N, C-alpha and C. Protein backbone atom coordinates (compact mmCIF):
# COMPACT_ATOMS: atom_id res chain seq x y z
N MET A 1 0.84 -1.18 0.00
CA MET A 1 0.00 0.00 0.00
C MET A 1 0.89 1.25 0.00
N VAL A 2 0.47 2.23 -0.80
CA VAL A 2 1.13 3.54 -0.84
C VAL A 2 0.07 4.61 -0.62
N ARG A 3 0.50 5.83 -0.52
CA ARG A 3 -0.43 6.95 -0.35
C ARG A 3 -0.72 7.54 -1.73
N LEU A 4 -1.90 8.12 -1.89
CA LEU A 4 -2.32 8.67 -3.17
C LEU A 4 -1.34 9.72 -3.68
N ASN A 5 -0.76 10.51 -2.80
CA ASN A 5 0.16 11.56 -3.24
C ASN A 5 1.48 11.00 -3.78
N GLU A 6 1.72 9.69 -3.66
CA GLU A 6 2.96 9.08 -4.11
C GLU A 6 2.89 8.50 -5.52
N ILE A 7 1.70 8.38 -6.10
CA ILE A 7 1.61 7.79 -7.43
C ILE A 7 2.03 8.81 -8.49
N LYS A 8 2.43 8.30 -9.66
CA LYS A 8 2.94 9.15 -10.74
C LYS A 8 1.83 9.53 -11.71
N ASP A 9 2.11 10.52 -12.57
CA ASP A 9 1.15 10.94 -13.59
C ASP A 9 0.73 9.76 -14.46
N SER A 10 -0.55 9.70 -14.79
CA SER A 10 -1.17 8.67 -15.63
C SER A 10 -1.25 7.30 -14.96
N GLU A 11 -0.84 7.19 -13.72
CA GLU A 11 -0.90 5.91 -13.01
C GLU A 11 -2.30 5.74 -12.41
N GLU A 12 -2.80 4.51 -12.46
CA GLU A 12 -4.10 4.19 -11.89
C GLU A 12 -3.92 3.40 -10.61
N CYS A 13 -4.87 3.57 -9.69
CA CYS A 13 -4.80 2.88 -8.41
C CYS A 13 -6.20 2.64 -7.88
N THR A 14 -6.27 1.86 -6.82
CA THR A 14 -7.54 1.55 -6.17
C THR A 14 -7.44 1.91 -4.69
N VAL A 15 -8.44 2.58 -4.17
CA VAL A 15 -8.45 2.99 -2.76
C VAL A 15 -8.61 1.75 -1.88
N VAL A 16 -7.74 1.62 -0.89
CA VAL A 16 -7.84 0.50 0.06
C VAL A 16 -8.15 0.98 1.48
N SER A 17 -7.85 2.25 1.77
CA SER A 17 -8.09 2.75 3.12
C SER A 17 -8.12 4.27 3.15
N LEU A 18 -8.98 4.81 4.01
CA LEU A 18 -9.01 6.25 4.27
C LEU A 18 -8.49 6.48 5.69
N PHE A 19 -7.46 7.31 5.80
CA PHE A 19 -6.90 7.62 7.11
C PHE A 19 -7.43 8.95 7.64
N ALA A 20 -8.21 9.63 6.83
CA ALA A 20 -8.77 10.93 7.21
C ALA A 20 -9.84 10.75 8.28
N LYS A 21 -10.02 11.78 9.07
CA LYS A 21 -11.05 11.79 10.11
C LYS A 21 -11.90 13.05 9.95
N GLY A 22 -13.09 13.03 10.49
CA GLY A 22 -13.93 14.21 10.53
C GLY A 22 -14.43 14.67 9.19
N ILE A 23 -14.41 16.00 8.99
CA ILE A 23 -15.01 16.61 7.81
C ILE A 23 -14.30 16.22 6.52
N ILE A 24 -12.99 16.07 6.54
CA ILE A 24 -12.28 15.71 5.31
C ILE A 24 -12.63 14.29 4.89
N ARG A 25 -12.80 13.38 5.84
CA ARG A 25 -13.24 12.01 5.52
C ARG A 25 -14.61 12.05 4.88
N ARG A 26 -15.50 12.84 5.42
CA ARG A 26 -16.85 12.97 4.88
C ARG A 26 -16.83 13.54 3.46
N ARG A 27 -15.97 14.52 3.22
CA ARG A 27 -15.87 15.11 1.88
C ARG A 27 -15.35 14.08 0.88
N PHE A 28 -14.35 13.30 1.28
CA PHE A 28 -13.87 12.23 0.39
C PHE A 28 -15.01 11.28 0.05
N GLN A 29 -15.77 10.88 1.04
CA GLN A 29 -16.89 9.96 0.81
C GLN A 29 -17.95 10.60 -0.08
N ASP A 30 -18.21 11.88 0.11
CA ASP A 30 -19.21 12.58 -0.69
C ASP A 30 -18.85 12.63 -2.18
N ILE A 31 -17.55 12.72 -2.49
CA ILE A 31 -17.14 12.76 -3.90
C ILE A 31 -16.84 11.36 -4.44
N GLY A 32 -17.10 10.34 -3.64
CA GLY A 32 -16.98 8.96 -4.11
C GLY A 32 -15.66 8.28 -3.83
N ILE A 33 -14.83 8.88 -2.99
CA ILE A 33 -13.56 8.24 -2.64
C ILE A 33 -13.80 7.35 -1.42
N VAL A 34 -14.06 6.08 -1.71
CA VAL A 34 -14.29 5.06 -0.68
C VAL A 34 -13.48 3.82 -1.08
N GLU A 35 -13.40 2.83 -0.20
CA GLU A 35 -12.66 1.62 -0.53
C GLU A 35 -13.18 1.01 -1.82
N GLY A 36 -12.24 0.64 -2.70
CA GLY A 36 -12.60 0.03 -3.98
C GLY A 36 -12.69 1.00 -5.14
N THR A 37 -12.66 2.31 -4.87
CA THR A 37 -12.77 3.31 -5.94
C THR A 37 -11.47 3.34 -6.75
N LYS A 38 -11.62 3.38 -8.07
CA LYS A 38 -10.48 3.52 -8.97
C LYS A 38 -10.18 5.00 -9.14
N ILE A 39 -8.89 5.35 -9.06
CA ILE A 39 -8.45 6.74 -9.22
C ILE A 39 -7.28 6.76 -10.19
N LYS A 40 -7.26 7.76 -11.08
CA LYS A 40 -6.14 7.95 -12.00
C LYS A 40 -5.58 9.34 -11.79
N ARG A 41 -4.27 9.42 -11.61
CA ARG A 41 -3.62 10.74 -11.47
C ARG A 41 -3.45 11.33 -12.86
N LEU A 42 -3.94 12.54 -13.05
CA LEU A 42 -3.84 13.20 -14.35
C LEU A 42 -2.58 14.06 -14.43
N HIS A 43 -2.49 15.09 -13.59
CA HIS A 43 -1.31 15.96 -13.60
C HIS A 43 -1.36 16.90 -12.41
N ALA A 44 -0.18 17.40 -12.04
CA ALA A 44 -0.08 18.38 -10.96
C ALA A 44 -0.23 19.78 -11.54
N SER A 45 -0.62 20.71 -10.70
CA SER A 45 -0.72 22.10 -11.14
C SER A 45 0.69 22.63 -11.42
N PRO A 46 0.80 23.77 -12.09
CA PRO A 46 2.12 24.31 -12.41
C PRO A 46 3.05 24.49 -11.19
N LEU A 47 2.48 24.81 -10.04
CA LEU A 47 3.31 24.98 -8.85
C LEU A 47 3.45 23.68 -8.04
N GLY A 48 2.85 22.58 -8.53
CA GLY A 48 3.02 21.29 -7.89
C GLY A 48 1.91 20.86 -6.94
N ASP A 49 1.06 21.77 -6.53
CA ASP A 49 0.00 21.41 -5.59
C ASP A 49 -1.18 22.35 -5.80
N PRO A 50 -2.38 21.91 -6.00
CA PRO A 50 -2.89 20.54 -5.89
C PRO A 50 -2.65 19.72 -7.17
N THR A 51 -3.08 18.47 -7.12
CA THR A 51 -2.96 17.55 -8.24
C THR A 51 -4.35 17.15 -8.71
N ALA A 52 -4.52 16.98 -10.02
CA ALA A 52 -5.81 16.58 -10.59
C ALA A 52 -5.88 15.06 -10.68
N TYR A 53 -6.99 14.52 -10.22
CA TYR A 53 -7.23 13.07 -10.27
C TYR A 53 -8.57 12.83 -10.95
N LEU A 54 -8.67 11.71 -11.67
CA LEU A 54 -9.93 11.29 -12.26
C LEU A 54 -10.58 10.30 -11.30
N VAL A 55 -11.74 10.70 -10.76
CA VAL A 55 -12.45 9.89 -9.77
C VAL A 55 -13.89 9.70 -10.25
N ARG A 56 -14.24 8.47 -10.59
CA ARG A 56 -15.61 8.16 -11.04
C ARG A 56 -16.10 9.08 -12.15
N GLY A 57 -15.22 9.38 -13.12
CA GLY A 57 -15.59 10.19 -14.27
C GLY A 57 -15.49 11.69 -14.06
N ALA A 58 -15.14 12.14 -12.88
CA ALA A 58 -15.01 13.56 -12.58
C ALA A 58 -13.55 13.90 -12.27
N VAL A 59 -13.10 15.06 -12.72
CA VAL A 59 -11.75 15.51 -12.40
C VAL A 59 -11.81 16.27 -11.08
N ILE A 60 -11.03 15.80 -10.11
CA ILE A 60 -11.02 16.37 -8.76
C ILE A 60 -9.60 16.84 -8.43
N ALA A 61 -9.46 18.05 -7.91
CA ALA A 61 -8.16 18.55 -7.47
C ALA A 61 -8.04 18.28 -5.97
N ILE A 62 -6.94 17.62 -5.59
CA ILE A 62 -6.71 17.27 -4.18
C ILE A 62 -5.32 17.74 -3.78
N ARG A 63 -5.26 18.44 -2.66
CA ARG A 63 -3.96 18.89 -2.14
C ARG A 63 -3.14 17.69 -1.70
N SER A 64 -1.84 17.82 -1.78
CA SER A 64 -0.93 16.74 -1.42
C SER A 64 -1.12 16.28 0.02
N ALA A 65 -1.32 17.22 0.93
CA ALA A 65 -1.52 16.87 2.34
C ALA A 65 -2.78 16.03 2.53
N ASP A 66 -3.82 16.30 1.73
CA ASP A 66 -5.05 15.52 1.82
C ASP A 66 -4.91 14.18 1.11
N ALA A 67 -4.20 14.16 -0.03
CA ALA A 67 -3.99 12.92 -0.77
C ALA A 67 -3.18 11.93 0.07
N TYR A 68 -2.35 12.44 0.97
CA TYR A 68 -1.57 11.57 1.87
C TYR A 68 -2.48 10.74 2.76
N LEU A 69 -3.70 11.20 2.98
CA LEU A 69 -4.64 10.52 3.88
C LEU A 69 -5.42 9.39 3.19
N ILE A 70 -5.09 9.12 1.93
CA ILE A 70 -5.77 8.07 1.15
C ILE A 70 -4.77 6.97 0.83
N GLY A 71 -5.02 5.78 1.35
CA GLY A 71 -4.16 4.62 1.07
C GLY A 71 -4.64 3.91 -0.19
N VAL A 72 -3.72 3.62 -1.13
CA VAL A 72 -4.10 3.01 -2.39
C VAL A 72 -3.15 1.86 -2.73
N GLU A 73 -3.62 1.02 -3.67
CA GLU A 73 -2.78 0.01 -4.30
C GLU A 73 -2.74 0.32 -5.78
N THR A 74 -1.55 0.30 -6.37
CA THR A 74 -1.45 0.58 -7.80
C THR A 74 -1.91 -0.64 -8.60
N ASN A 75 -2.47 -0.36 -9.77
CA ASN A 75 -2.99 -1.43 -10.61
C ASN A 75 -1.95 -1.91 -11.59
C-alpha cells in the first residue's frame, strides 16, 4: 500500500483505506472516494499542488496533504 500523493502521472490505483477523520473524511466519501474506488492521477498544477485526479468520471483537485490521507494500491 502507498499513499495517493505518491503515485505518478497517468498511473491508476484503487483505494484501500481512508486515514482521514472528521469533515475531510466525509468530503472524500461525498465525492466517491471510498474503498474500492479507482483513481487515476492526471497531472499536478504548475506549482506542484494541488494535483488533478480522475475519480468516477469527474476531475477532482486534491492537495498533497489531503492525498496523503488516502491509502491506495497501484494497478
